[in-house]
Amino acid sequence: MVRCPVCDDEHVAIVPSAKIQVTRHGDAARPMPVDTGQDATTGAIAGLPPELVRKLRDVVRSTEDVGRRFPDEARKIHYDEVPPRAIRGQASHEEAEALREEGIDFAALPPFLTREQH
């Protein structure tokens, strides 16, 4: 049985792949060297150990996705209008800058933590 080295899910698709080097016009393509000194499961995503990526994804999954309402919800939490809770969502660059100017702390999540693994 094959399992995903990052999330330990058994529902994975195995697809063929090859590392090739793209060359200038007229040059022959040759295979890229494969690094055999590192286990394939280490550094699977963004150079991070799979266990850490799995834990970070668990943390992200435990937050409430408020979507485009993120700036409004963040302000409500910051100004104690609603009970504090972990949220995530989207904000434009202008909205993010406005939140920073108000002293509201937040961080952008990298895409590999928020997208589906398979």
PDB file of N, CA and C in Angstrom:
ATOM      1  N   MET A   1       0.846  -1.170   0.000  1.00  0.00           N
ATOM      2  CA  MET A   1       0.000   0.000   0.000  1.00  0.00           C
ATOM      3  C   MET A   1       0.895   1.238   0.000  1.00  0.00           C
ATOM      4  N   VAL A   2       0.504   2.228  -0.753  1.00  0.00           N
ATOM      5  CA  VAL A   2       1.242   3.483  -0.837  1.00  0.00           C
ATOM      6  C   VAL A   2       0.510   4.525  -0.019  1.00  0.00           C
ATOM      7  N   ARG A   3       1.267   5.315   0.757  1.00  0.00           N
ATOM      8  CA  ARG A   3       0.687   6.373   1.567  1.00  0.00           C
ATOM      9  C   ARG A   3       1.438   7.672   1.302  1.00  0.00           C
ATOM     10  N   CYS A   4       0.753   8.792   1.452  1.00  0.00           N
ATOM     11  CA  CYS A   4       1.372  10.095   1.281  1.00  0.00           C
ATOM     12  C   CYS A   4       2.372  10.319   2.412  1.00  0.00           C
ATOM     13  N   PRO A   5       3.619  10.677   2.104  1.00  0.00           N
ATOM     14  CA  PRO A   5       4.610  10.889   3.149  1.00  0.00           C
ATOM     15  C   PRO A   5       4.358  12.149   3.973  1.00  0.00           C
ATOM     16  N   VAL A   6       3.507  13.053   3.492  1.00  0.00           N
ATOM     17  CA  VAL A   6       3.243  14.291   4.209  1.00  0.00           C
ATOM     18  C   VAL A   6       2.061  14.171   5.153  1.00  0.00           C
ATOM     19  N   CYS A   7       0.934  13.637   4.639  1.00  0.00           N
ATOM     20  CA  CYS A   7      -0.284  13.600   5.456  1.00  0.00           C
ATOM     21  C   CYS A   7      -0.704  12.190   5.852  1.00  0.00           C
ATOM     22  N   ASP A   8       0.012  11.183   5.400  1.00  0.00           N
ATOM     23  CA  ASP A   8      -0.258   9.782   5.719  1.00  0.00           C
ATOM     24  C   ASP A   8      -1.606   9.310   5.175  1.00  0.00           C
ATOM     25  N   ASP A   9      -2.100   9.956   4.123  1.00  0.00           N
ATOM     26  CA  ASP A   9      -3.360   9.565   3.502  1.00  0.00           C
ATOM     27  C   ASP A   9      -3.093   8.421   2.531  1.00  0.00           C
ATOM     28  N   GLU A  10      -3.994   7.427   2.500  1.00  0.00           N
ATOM     29  CA  GLU A  10      -3.800   6.298   1.587  1.00  0.00           C
ATOM     30  C   GLU A  10      -4.407   6.545   0.214  1.00  0.00           C
ATOM     31  N   HIS A  11      -5.168   7.635   0.047  1.00  0.00           N
ATOM     32  CA  HIS A  11      -5.794   7.940  -1.233  1.00  0.00           C
ATOM     33  C   HIS A  11      -4.877   8.873  -2.027  1.00  0.00           C
ATOM     34  N   VAL A  12      -3.872   8.306  -2.643  1.00  0.00           N
ATOM     35  CA  VAL A  12      -2.934   9.081  -3.442  1.00  0.00           C
ATOM     36  C   VAL A  12      -2.885   8.511  -4.850  1.00  0.00           C
ATOM     37  N   ALA A  13      -2.529   9.350  -5.776  1.00  0.00           N
ATOM     38  CA  ALA A  13      -2.366   8.899  -7.157  1.00  0.00           C
ATOM     39  C   ALA A  13      -0.882   8.833  -7.453  1.00  0.00           C
ATOM     40  N   ILE A  14      -0.453   7.745  -7.989  1.00  0.00           N
ATOM     41  CA  ILE A  14       0.944   7.578  -8.358  1.00  0.00           C
ATOM     42  C   ILE A  14       1.056   7.890  -9.839  1.00  0.00           C
ATOM     43  N   VAL A  15       1.856   8.894 -10.157  1.00  0.00           N
ATOM     44  CA  VAL A  15       2.029   9.284 -11.550  1.00  0.00           C
ATOM     45  C   VAL A  15       3.510   9.244 -11.892  1.00  0.00           C
ATOM     46  N   PRO A  16       3.825   8.875 -13.115  1.00  0.00           N
ATOM     47  CA  PRO A  16       5.241   8.831 -13.493  1.00  0.00           C
ATOM     48  C   PRO A  16       5.804  10.245 -13.587  1.00  0.00           C
ATOM     49  N   SER A  17       7.053  10.378 -13.265  1.00  0.00           N
ATOM     50  CA  SER A  17       7.712  11.672 -13.399  1.00  0.00           C
ATOM     51  C   SER A  17       9.185  11.446 -13.720  1.00  0.00           C
ATOM     52  N   ALA A  18       9.779  12.434 -14.313  1.00  0.00           N
ATOM     53  CA  ALA A  18      11.201  12.362 -14.639  1.00  0.00           C
ATOM     54  C   ALA A  18      11.784  13.753 -14.536  1.00  0.00           C
ATOM     55  N   LYS A  19      12.989  13.835 -14.028  1.00  0.00           N
ATOM     56  CA  LYS A  19      13.673  15.115 -13.973  1.00  0.00           C
ATOM     57  C   LYS A  19      14.488  15.251 -15.252  1.00  0.00           C
ATOM     58  N   ILE A  20      14.178  16.295 -16.015  1.00  0.00           N
ATOM     59  CA  ILE A  20      14.933  16.536 -17.244  1.00  0.00           C
ATOM     60  C   ILE A  20      15.461  17.961 -17.212  1.00  0.00           C
ATOM     61  N   GLN A  21      16.479  18.194 -17.990  1.00  0.00           N
ATOM     62  CA  GLN A  21      17.049  19.518 -18.082  1.00  0.00           C
ATOM     63  C   GLN A  21      16.669  20.116 -19.421  1.00  0.00           C
ATOM     64  N   VAL A  22      16.070  21.303 -19.401  1.00  0.00           N
ATOM     65  CA  VAL A  22      15.711  21.991 -20.628  1.00  0.00           C
ATOM     66  C   VAL A  22      16.958  22.722 -21.097  1.00  0.00           C
ATOM     67  N   THR A  23      17.291  22.531 -22.360  1.00  0.00           N
ATOM     68  CA  THR A  23      18.531  23.097 -22.896  1.00  0.00           C
ATOM     69  C   THR A  23      18.244  24.088 -24.004  1.00  0.00           C
ATOM     70  N   ARG A  24      19.302  24.743 -24.465  1.00  0.00           N
ATOM     71  CA  ARG A  24      19.178  25.687 -25.574  1.00  0.00           C
ATOM     72  C   ARG A  24      18.892  24.939 -26.872  1.00  0.00           C
ATOM     73  N   HIS A  25      18.432  25.645 -27.844  1.00  0.00           N
ATOM     74  CA  HIS A  25      18.091  25.073 -29.141  1.00  0.00           C
ATOM     75  C   HIS A  25      19.276  24.282 -29.707  1.00  0.00           C
ATOM     76  N   GLY A  26      19.036  23.076 -30.124  1.00  0.00           N
ATOM     77  CA  GLY A  26      20.063  22.249 -30.742  1.00  0.00           C
ATOM     78  C   GLY A  26      20.833  21.380 -29.769  1.00  0.00           C
ATOM     79  N   ASP A  27      20.791  21.697 -28.473  1.00  0.00           N
ATOM     80  CA  ASP A  27      21.493  20.870 -27.497  1.00  0.00           C
ATOM     81  C   ASP A  27      20.625  19.675 -27.126  1.00  0.00           C
ATOM     82  N   ALA A  28      21.256  18.582 -26.834  1.00  0.00           N
ATOM     83  CA  ALA A  28      20.514  17.392 -26.415  1.00  0.00           C
ATOM     84  C   ALA A  28      20.130  17.524 -24.949  1.00  0.00           C
ATOM     85  N   ALA A  29      18.913  17.100 -24.646  1.00  0.00           N
ATOM     86  CA  ALA A  29      18.475  17.095 -23.247  1.00  0.00           C
ATOM     87  C   ALA A  29      19.087  15.897 -22.560  1.00  0.00           C
ATOM     88  N   ARG A  30      19.480  16.087 -21.321  1.00  0.00           N
ATOM     89  CA  ARG A  30      20.044  14.970 -20.570  1.00  0.00           C
ATOM     90  C   ARG A  30      19.365  14.916 -19.207  1.00  0.00           C
ATOM     91  N   PRO A  31      19.259  13.738 -18.632  1.00  0.00           N
ATOM     92  CA  PRO A  31      18.582  13.603 -17.344  1.00  0.00           C
ATOM     93  C   PRO A  31      19.305  14.391 -16.261  1.00  0.00           C
ATOM     94  N   MET A  32      18.502  14.978 -15.355  1.00  0.00           N
ATOM     95  CA  MET A  32      19.061  15.684 -14.206  1.00  0.00           C
ATOM     96  C   MET A  32      19.510  14.653 -13.183  1.00  0.00           C
ATOM     97  N   PRO A  33      20.598  14.913 -12.475  1.00  0.00           N
ATOM     98  CA  PRO A  33      21.021  13.972 -11.441  1.00  0.00           C
ATOM     99  C   PRO A  33      19.994  13.920 -10.319  1.00  0.00           C
ATOM    100  N   VAL A  34      19.774  12.746  -9.784  1.00  0.00           N
ATOM    101  CA  VAL A  34      18.839  12.547  -8.692  1.00  0.00           C
ATOM    102  C   VAL A  34      19.621  12.537  -7.398  1.00  0.00           C
ATOM    103  N   ASP A  35      19.181  13.339  -6.432  1.00  0.00           N
ATOM    104  CA  ASP A  35      19.847  13.403  -5.136  1.00  0.00           C
ATOM    105  C   ASP A  35      19.442  12.180  -4.332  1.00  0.00           C
ATOM    106  N   THR A  36      20.344  11.257  -4.167  1.00  0.00           N
ATOM    107  CA  THR A  36      20.042  10.039  -3.417  1.00  0.00           C
ATOM    108  C   THR A  36      20.499  10.134  -1.975  1.00  0.00           C
ATOM    109  N   GLY A  37      21.086  11.257  -1.588  1.00  0.00           N
ATOM    110  CA  GLY A  37      21.580  11.394  -0.221  1.00  0.00           C
ATOM    111  C   GLY A  37      20.510  11.783   0.773  1.00  0.00           C
ATOM    112  N   GLN A  38      19.295  12.055   0.311  1.00  0.00           N
ATOM    113  CA  GLN A  38      18.236  12.489   1.204  1.00  0.00           C
ATOM    114  C   GLN A  38      17.029  11.596   1.035  1.00  0.00           C
ATOM    115  N   ASP A  39      16.411  11.231   2.146  1.00  0.00           N
ATOM    116  CA  ASP A  39      15.199  10.423   2.122  1.00  0.00           C
ATOM    117  C   ASP A  39      14.093  11.211   1.430  1.00  0.00           C
ATOM    118  N   ALA A  40      13.304  10.556   0.611  1.00  0.00           N
ATOM    119  CA  ALA A  40      12.247  11.224  -0.155  1.00  0.00           C
ATOM    120  C   ALA A  40      11.178  11.831   0.737  1.00  0.00           C
ATOM    121  N   THR A  41      11.015  11.350   1.952  1.00  0.00           N
ATOM    122  CA  THR A  41       9.970  11.883   2.820  1.00  0.00           C
ATOM    123  C   THR A  41      10.412  13.107   3.592  1.00  0.00           C
ATOM    124  N   THR A  42      11.702  13.393   3.672  1.00  0.00           N
ATOM    125  CA  THR A  42      12.147  14.573   4.390  1.00  0.00           C
ATOM    126  C   THR A  42      12.128  15.758   3.452  1.00  0.00           C
ATOM    127  N   GLY A  43      11.708  16.893   3.990  1.00  0.00           N
ATOM    128  CA  GLY A  43      11.652  18.092   3.173  1.00  0.00           C
ATOM    129  C   GLY A  43      10.671  17.981   2.039  1.00  0.00           C
ATOM    130  N   ALA A  44       9.584  17.261   2.231  1.00  0.00           N
ATOM    131  CA  ALA A  44       8.640  17.018   1.155  1.00  0.00           C
ATOM    132  C   ALA A  44       8.003  18.301   0.652  1.00  0.00           C
ATOM    133  N   ILE A  45       7.781  19.248   1.535  1.00  0.00           N
ATOM    134  CA  ILE A  45       7.158  20.502   1.145  1.00  0.00           C
ATOM    135  C   ILE A  45       7.937  21.644   1.782  1.00  0.00           C
ATOM    136  N   ALA A  46       8.346  22.570   0.967  1.00  0.00           N
ATOM    137  CA  ALA A  46       9.013  23.790   1.420  1.00  0.00           C
ATOM    138  C   ALA A  46      10.220  23.516   2.299  1.00  0.00           C
ATOM    139  N   GLY A  47      10.837  22.353   2.137  1.00  0.00           N
ATOM    140  CA  GLY A  47      12.019  22.032   2.914  1.00  0.00           C
ATOM    141  C   GLY A  47      11.731  21.731   4.369  1.00  0.00           C
ATOM    142  N   LEU A  48      10.482  21.483   4.703  1.00  0.00           N
ATOM    143  CA  LEU A  48      10.093  21.212   6.087  1.00  0.00           C
ATOM    144  C   LEU A  48       9.875  19.720   6.295  1.00  0.00           C
ATOM    145  N   PRO A  49      10.155  19.231   7.486  1.00  0.00           N
ATOM    146  CA  PRO A  49       9.876  17.818   7.769  1.00  0.00           C
ATOM    147  C   PRO A  49       8.373  17.538   7.667  1.00  0.00           C
ATOM    148  N   PRO A  50       8.002  16.384   7.158  1.00  0.00           N
ATOM    149  CA  PRO A  50       6.579  16.059   6.987  1.00  0.00           C
ATOM    150  C   PRO A  50       5.772  16.147   8.278  1.00  0.00           C
ATOM    151  N   GLU A  51       6.373  15.791   9.412  1.00  0.00           N
ATOM    152  CA  GLU A  51       5.650  15.855  10.690  1.00  0.00           C
ATOM    153  C   GLU A  51       5.257  17.293  11.007  1.00  0.00           C
ATOM    154  N   LEU A  52       6.167  18.230  10.750  1.00  0.00           N
ATOM    155  CA  LEU A  52       5.879  19.635  11.010  1.00  0.00           C
ATOM    156  C   LEU A  52       4.789  20.143  10.077  1.00  0.00           C
ATOM    157  N   VAL A  53       4.865  19.792   8.805  1.00  0.00           N
ATOM    158  CA  VAL A  53       3.843  20.209   7.845  1.00  0.00           C
ATOM    159  C   VAL A  53       2.482  19.659   8.268  1.00  0.00           C
ATOM    160  N   ARG A  54       2.449  18.409   8.689  1.00  0.00           N
ATOM    161  CA  ARG A  54       1.201  17.782   9.131  1.00  0.00           C
ATOM    162  C   ARG A  54       0.618  18.534  10.331  1.00  0.00           C
ATOM    163  N   LYS A  55       1.468  18.890  11.302  1.00  0.00           N
ATOM    164  CA  LYS A  55       0.998  19.620  12.488  1.00  0.00           C
ATOM    165  C   LYS A  55       0.519  21.025  12.123  1.00  0.00           C
ATOM    166  N   LEU A  56       1.238  21.696  11.230  1.00  0.00           N
ATOM    167  CA  LEU A  56       0.813  23.028  10.803  1.00  0.00           C
ATOM    168  C   LEU A  56      -0.531  22.974  10.094  1.00  0.00           C
ATOM    169  N   ARG A  57      -0.724  21.956   9.258  1.00  0.00           N
ATOM    170  CA  ARG A  57      -2.020  21.811   8.567  1.00  0.00           C
ATOM    171  C   ARG A  57      -3.136  21.541   9.578  1.00  0.00           C
ATOM    172  N   ASP A  58      -2.847  20.774  10.618  1.00  0.00           N
ATOM    173  CA  ASP A  58      -3.845  20.530  11.662  1.00  0.00           C
ATOM    174  C   ASP A  58      -4.236  21.839  12.349  1.00  0.00           C
ATOM    175  N   VAL A  59      -3.248  22.681  12.618  1.00  0.00           N
ATOM    176  CA  VAL A  59      -3.528  23.975  13.242  1.00  0.00           C
ATOM    177  C   VAL A  59      -4.404  24.820  12.328  1.00  0.00           C
ATOM    178  N   VAL A  60      -4.069  24.868  11.042  1.00  0.00           N
ATOM    179  CA  VAL A  60      -4.855  25.658  10.089  1.00  0.00           C
ATOM    180  C   VAL A  60      -6.275  25.115   9.996  1.00  0.00           C
ATOM    181  N   ARG A  61      -6.422  23.788   9.970  1.00  0.00           N
ATOM    182  CA  ARG A  61      -7.766  23.184   9.892  1.00  0.00           C
ATOM    183  C   ARG A  61      -8.610  23.511  11.127  1.00  0.00           C
ATOM    184  N   SER A  62      -7.967  23.775  12.257  1.00  0.00           N
ATOM    185  CA  SER A  62      -8.712  24.069  13.485  1.00  0.00           C
ATOM    186  C   SER A  62      -9.171  25.524  13.552  1.00  0.00           C
ATOM    187  N   THR A  63      -8.813  26.340  12.565  1.00  0.00           N
ATOM    188  CA  THR A  63      -9.258  27.727  12.542  1.00  0.00           C
ATOM    189  C   THR A  63     -10.558  27.852  11.763  1.00  0.00           C
ATOM    190  N   GLU A  64     -11.263  28.941  12.006  1.00  0.00           N
ATOM    191  CA  GLU A  64     -12.510  29.197  11.282  1.00  0.00           C
ATOM    192  C   GLU A  64     -12.197  29.990  10.016  1.00  0.00           C
ATOM    193  N   ASP A  65     -12.626  29.497   8.868  1.00  0.00           N
ATOM    194  CA  ASP A  65     -12.411  30.202   7.604  1.00  0.00           C
ATOM    195  C   ASP A  65     -13.546  31.204   7.420  1.00  0.00           C
ATOM    196  N   VAL A  66     -13.221  32.500   7.558  1.00  0.00           N
ATOM    197  CA  VAL A  66     -14.228  33.549   7.425  1.00  0.00           C
ATOM    198  C   VAL A  66     -14.198  34.192   6.041  1.00  0.00           C
ATOM    199  N   GLY A  67     -13.324  33.690   5.178  1.00  0.00           N
ATOM    200  CA  GLY A  67     -13.282  34.155   3.795  1.00  0.00           C
ATOM    201  C   GLY A  67     -12.970  35.638   3.672  1.00  0.00           C
ATOM    202  N   ARG A  68     -13.746  36.332   2.824  1.00  0.00           N
ATOM    203  CA  ARG A  68     -13.514  37.758   2.563  1.00  0.00           C
ATOM    204  C   ARG A  68     -13.895  38.641   3.754  1.00  0.00           C
ATOM    205  N   ARG A  69     -14.551  38.074   4.746  1.00  0.00           N
ATOM    206  CA  ARG A  69     -14.911  38.849   5.943  1.00  0.00           C
ATOM    207  C   ARG A  69     -13.740  38.980   6.912  1.00  0.00           C
ATOM    208  N   PHE A  70     -12.558  38.470   6.541  1.00  0.00           N
ATOM    209  CA  PHE A  70     -11.423  38.447   7.460  1.00  0.00           C
ATOM    210  C   PHE A  70     -11.111  39.802   8.086  1.00  0.00           C
ATOM    211  N   PRO A  71     -10.992  40.899   7.319  1.00  0.00           N
ATOM    212  CA  PRO A  71     -10.667  42.176   7.961  1.00  0.00           C
ATOM    213  C   PRO A  71     -11.698  42.600   9.009  1.00  0.00           C
ATOM    214  N   ASP A  72     -12.989  42.438   8.694  1.00  0.00           N
ATOM    215  CA  ASP A  72     -14.039  42.818   9.647  1.00  0.00           C
ATOM    216  C   ASP A  72     -14.003  41.942  10.897  1.00  0.00           C
ATOM    217  N   GLU A  73     -13.860  40.635  10.693  1.00  0.00           N
ATOM    218  CA  GLU A  73     -13.816  39.719  11.842  1.00  0.00           C
ATOM    219  C   GLU A  73     -12.579  39.960  12.705  1.00  0.00           C
ATOM    220  N   ALA A  74     -11.448  40.239  12.061  1.00  0.00           N
ATOM    221  CA  ALA A  74     -10.218  40.516  12.819  1.00  0.00           C
ATOM    222  C   ALA A  74     -10.384  41.771  13.671  1.00  0.00           C
ATOM    223  N   ARG A  75     -11.026  42.790  13.113  1.00  0.00           N
ATOM    224  CA  ARG A  75     -11.271  44.017  13.882  1.00  0.00           C
ATOM    225  C   ARG A  75     -12.208  43.741  15.071  1.00  0.00           C
ATOM    226  N   LYS A  76     -13.269  42.981  14.828  1.00  0.00           N
ATOM    227  CA  LYS A  76     -14.212  42.665  15.922  1.00  0.00           C
ATOM    228  C   LYS A  76     -13.506  41.938  17.058  1.00  0.00           C
ATOM    229  N   ILE A  77     -12.639  41.015  16.718  1.00  0.00           N
ATOM    230  CA  ILE A  77     -11.890  40.285  17.742  1.00  0.00           C
ATOM    231  C   ILE A  77     -10.912  41.222  18.447  1.00  0.00           C
ATOM    232  N   HIS A  78     -10.210  42.044  17.692  1.00  0.00           N
ATOM    233  CA  HIS A  78      -9.212  42.955  18.251  1.00  0.00           C
ATOM    234  C   HIS A  78      -9.849  43.955  19.218  1.00  0.00           C
ATOM    235  N   TYR A  79     -11.024  44.470  18.857  1.00  0.00           N
ATOM    236  CA  TYR A  79     -11.696  45.466  19.690  1.00  0.00           C
ATOM    237  C   TYR A  79     -12.687  44.847  20.684  1.00  0.00           C
ATOM    238  N   ASP A  80     -12.572  43.554  20.932  1.00  0.00           N
ATOM    239  CA  ASP A  80     -13.385  42.822  21.918  1.00  0.00           C
ATOM    240  C   ASP A  80     -14.891  42.943  21.676  1.00  0.00           C
ATOM    241  N   GLU A  81     -15.297  43.023  20.415  1.00  0.00           N
ATOM    242  CA  GLU A  81     -16.716  43.053  20.081  1.00  0.00           C
ATOM    243  C   GLU A  81     -17.294  41.644  20.027  1.00  0.00           C
ATOM    244  N   VAL A  82     -16.443  40.651  19.795  1.00  0.00           N
ATOM    245  CA  VAL A  82     -16.842  39.249  19.787  1.00  0.00           C
ATOM    246  C   VAL A  82     -15.798  38.464  20.571  1.00  0.00           C
ATOM    247  N   PRO A  83     -16.149  37.269  21.047  1.00  0.00           N
ATOM    248  CA  PRO A  83     -15.161  36.457  21.780  1.00  0.00           C
ATOM    249  C   PRO A  83     -13.976  36.099  20.875  1.00  0.00           C
ATOM    250  N   PRO A  84     -12.769  36.063  21.426  1.00  0.00           N
ATOM    251  CA  PRO A  84     -11.598  35.702  20.620  1.00  0.00           C
ATOM    252  C   PRO A  84     -11.698  34.279  20.081  1.00  0.00           C
ATOM    253  N   ARG A  85     -11.240  34.097  18.853  1.00  0.00           N
ATOM    254  CA  ARG A  85     -11.180  32.779  18.235  1.00  0.00           C
ATOM    255  C   ARG A  85     -10.157  32.835  17.115  1.00  0.00           C
ATOM    256  N   ALA A  86      -9.672  31.686  16.728  1.00  0.00           N
ATOM    257  CA  ALA A  86      -8.698  31.597  15.637  1.00  0.00           C
ATOM    258  C   ALA A  86      -9.446  31.643  14.316  1.00  0.00           C
ATOM    259  N   ILE A  87      -9.067  32.594  13.466  1.00  0.00           N
ATOM    260  CA  ILE A  87      -9.724  32.741  12.166  1.00  0.00           C
ATOM    261  C   ILE A  87      -8.679  32.798  11.061  1.00  0.00           C
ATOM    262  N   ARG A  88      -9.148  32.540   9.848  1.00  0.00           N
ATOM    263  CA  ARG A  88      -8.337  32.721   8.654  1.00  0.00           C
ATOM    264  C   ARG A  88      -9.260  33.177   7.540  1.00  0.00           C
ATOM    265  N   GLY A  89      -8.697  33.789   6.520  1.00  0.00           N
ATOM    266  CA  GLY A  89      -9.501  34.277   5.414  1.00  0.00           C
ATOM    267  C   GLY A  89      -8.652  35.061   4.454  1.00  0.00           C
ATOM    268  N   GLN A  90      -9.297  35.900   3.647  1.00  0.00           N
ATOM    269  CA  GLN A  90      -8.595  36.673   2.641  1.00  0.00           C
ATOM    270  C   GLN A  90      -8.747  38.160   2.916  1.00  0.00           C
ATOM    271  N   ALA A  91      -7.706  38.906   2.530  1.00  0.00           N
ATOM    272  CA  ALA A  91      -7.733  40.361   2.614  1.00  0.00           C
ATOM    273  C   ALA A  91      -6.907  40.907   1.459  1.00  0.00           C
ATOM    274  N   SER A  92      -7.331  42.031   0.919  1.00  0.00           N
ATOM    275  CA  SER A  92      -6.548  42.674  -0.137  1.00  0.00           C
ATOM    276  C   SER A  92      -5.312  43.307   0.497  1.00  0.00           C
ATOM    277  N   HIS A  93      -4.386  43.749  -0.334  1.00  0.00           N
ATOM    278  CA  HIS A  93      -3.183  44.409   0.196  1.00  0.00           C
ATOM    279  C   HIS A  93      -3.564  45.666   0.982  1.00  0.00           C
ATOM    280  N   GLU A  94      -4.539  46.412   0.481  1.00  0.00           N
ATOM    281  CA  GLU A  94      -4.978  47.626   1.164  1.00  0.00           C
ATOM    282  C   GLU A  94      -5.615  47.294   2.513  1.00  0.00           C
ATOM    283  N   GLU A  95      -6.457  46.263   2.537  1.00  0.00           N
ATOM    284  CA  GLU A  95      -7.081  45.851   3.803  1.00  0.00           C
ATOM    285  C   GLU A  95      -6.036  45.370   4.794  1.00  0.00           C
ATOM    286  N   ALA A  96      -5.058  44.608   4.330  1.00  0.00           N
ATOM    287  CA  ALA A  96      -4.000  44.115   5.206  1.00  0.00           C
ATOM    288  C   ALA A  96      -3.192  45.270   5.788  1.00  0.00           C
ATOM    289  N   GLU A  97      -2.874  46.259   4.959  1.00  0.00           N
ATOM    290  CA  GLU A  97      -2.124  47.421   5.444  1.00  0.00           C
ATOM    291  C   GLU A  97      -2.935  48.191   6.480  1.00  0.00           C
ATOM    292  N   ALA A  98      -4.225  48.340   6.253  1.00  0.00           N
ATOM    293  CA  ALA A  98      -5.087  49.029   7.218  1.00  0.00           C
ATOM    294  C   ALA A  98      -5.109  48.287   8.551  1.00  0.00           C
ATOM    295  N   LEU A  99      -5.178  46.957   8.507  1.00  0.00           N
ATOM    296  CA  LEU A  99      -5.148  46.175   9.741  1.00  0.00           C
ATOM    297  C   LEU A  99      -3.835  46.388  10.485  1.00  0.00           C
ATOM    298  N   ARG A 100      -2.720  46.397   9.752  1.00  0.00           N
ATOM    299  CA  ARG A 100      -1.410  46.617  10.383  1.00  0.00           C
ATOM    300  C   ARG A 100      -1.348  48.003  11.032  1.00  0.00           C
ATOM    301  N   GLU A 101      -1.877  49.011  10.340  1.00  0.00           N
ATOM    302  CA  GLU A 101      -1.874  50.374  10.884  1.00  0.00           C
ATOM    303  C   GLU A 101      -2.697  50.468  12.160  1.00  0.00           C
ATOM    304  N   GLU A 102      -3.723  49.639  12.293  1.00  0.00           N
ATOM    305  CA  GLU A 102      -4.544  49.624  13.507  1.00  0.00           C
ATOM    306  C   GLU A 102      -3.901  48.806  14.620  1.00  0.00           C
ATOM    307  N   GLY A 103      -2.776  48.161  14.325  1.00  0.00           N
ATOM    308  CA  GLY A 103      -2.094  47.356  15.338  1.00  0.00           C
ATOM    309  C   GLY A 103      -2.651  45.956  15.488  1.00  0.00           C
ATOM    310  N   ILE A 104      -3.343  45.471  14.469  1.00  0.00           N
ATOM    311  CA  ILE A 104      -3.924  44.141  14.499  1.00  0.00           C
ATOM    312  C   ILE A 104      -2.896  43.166  13.920  1.00  0.00           C
ATOM    313  N   ASP A 105      -2.465  42.223  14.737  1.00  0.00           N
ATOM    314  CA  ASP A 105      -1.458  41.255  14.306  1.00  0.00           C
ATOM    315  C   ASP A 105      -2.106  40.101  13.550  1.00  0.00           C
ATOM    316  N   PHE A 106      -1.488  39.740  12.444  1.00  0.00           N
ATOM    317  CA  PHE A 106      -1.908  38.590  11.650  1.00  0.00           C
ATOM    318  C   PHE A 106      -0.735  38.182  10.791  1.00  0.00           C
ATOM    319  N   ALA A 107      -0.830  37.034  10.190  1.00  0.00           N
ATOM    320  CA  ALA A 107       0.233  36.546   9.303  1.00  0.00           C
ATOM    321  C   ALA A 107      -0.401  35.876   8.088  1.00  0.00           C
ATOM    322  N   ALA A 108       0.266  36.012   6.957  1.00  0.00           N
ATOM    323  CA  ALA A 108      -0.184  35.342   5.737  1.00  0.00           C
ATOM    324  C   ALA A 108       0.212  33.872   5.818  1.00  0.00           C
ATOM    325  N   LEU A 109      -0.687  33.002   5.385  1.00  0.00           N
ATOM    326  CA  LEU A 109      -0.399  31.572   5.376  1.00  0.00           C
ATOM    327  C   LEU A 109       0.133  31.162   4.017  1.00  0.00           C
ATOM    328  N   PRO A 110       1.173  30.342   3.989  1.00  0.00           N
ATOM    329  CA  PRO A 110       1.657  29.857   2.695  1.00  0.00           C
ATOM    330  C   PRO A 110       0.625  28.917   2.068  1.00  0.00           C
ATOM    331  N   PRO A 111       0.521  28.929   0.746  1.00  0.00           N
ATOM    332  CA  PRO A 111      -0.499  28.121   0.066  1.00  0.00           C
ATOM    333  C   PRO A 111      -0.451  26.631   0.392  1.00  0.00           C
ATOM    334  N   PHE A 112       0.726  26.074   0.654  1.00  0.00           N
ATOM    335  CA  PHE A 112       0.786  24.635   0.904  1.00  0.00           C
ATOM    336  C   PHE A 112       0.098  24.244   2.210  1.00  0.00           C
ATOM    337  N   LEU A 113      -0.218  25.206   3.073  1.00  0.00           N
ATOM    338  CA  LEU A 113      -0.938  24.891   4.305  1.00  0.00           C
ATOM    339  C   LEU A 113      -2.446  24.978   4.136  1.00  0.00           C
ATOM    340  N   THR A 114      -2.905  25.729   3.151  1.00  0.00           N
ATOM    341  CA  THR A 114      -4.334  25.945   3.014  1.00  0.00           C
ATOM    342  C   THR A 114      -4.988  25.151   1.896  1.00  0.00           C
ATOM    343  N   ARG A 115      -4.216  24.650   0.954  1.00  0.00           N
ATOM    344  CA  ARG A 115      -4.829  23.900  -0.145  1.00  0.00           C
ATOM    345  C   ARG A 115      -4.962  22.428   0.229  1.00  0.00           C
ATOM    346  N   GLU A 116      -5.839  21.765  -0.497  1.00  0.00           N
ATOM    347  CA  GLU A 116      -6.011  20.323  -0.298  1.00  0.00           C
ATOM    348  C   GLU A 116      -4.744  19.591  -0.730  1.00  0.00           C
ATOM    349  N   GLN A 117      -4.376  18.553   0.005  1.00  0.00           N
ATOM    350  CA  GLN A 117      -3.153  17.835  -0.308  1.00  0.00           C
ATOM    351  C   GLN A 117      -3.282  16.965  -1.547  1.00  0.00           C
ATOM    352  N   HIS A 118      -4.439  16.421  -1.823  1.00  0.00           N
ATOM    353  CA  HIS A 118      -4.600  15.475  -2.926  1.00  0.00           C
ATOM    354  C   HIS A 118      -5.748  15.874  -3.797  1.00  0.00           C
TER     355      HIS A 118
END
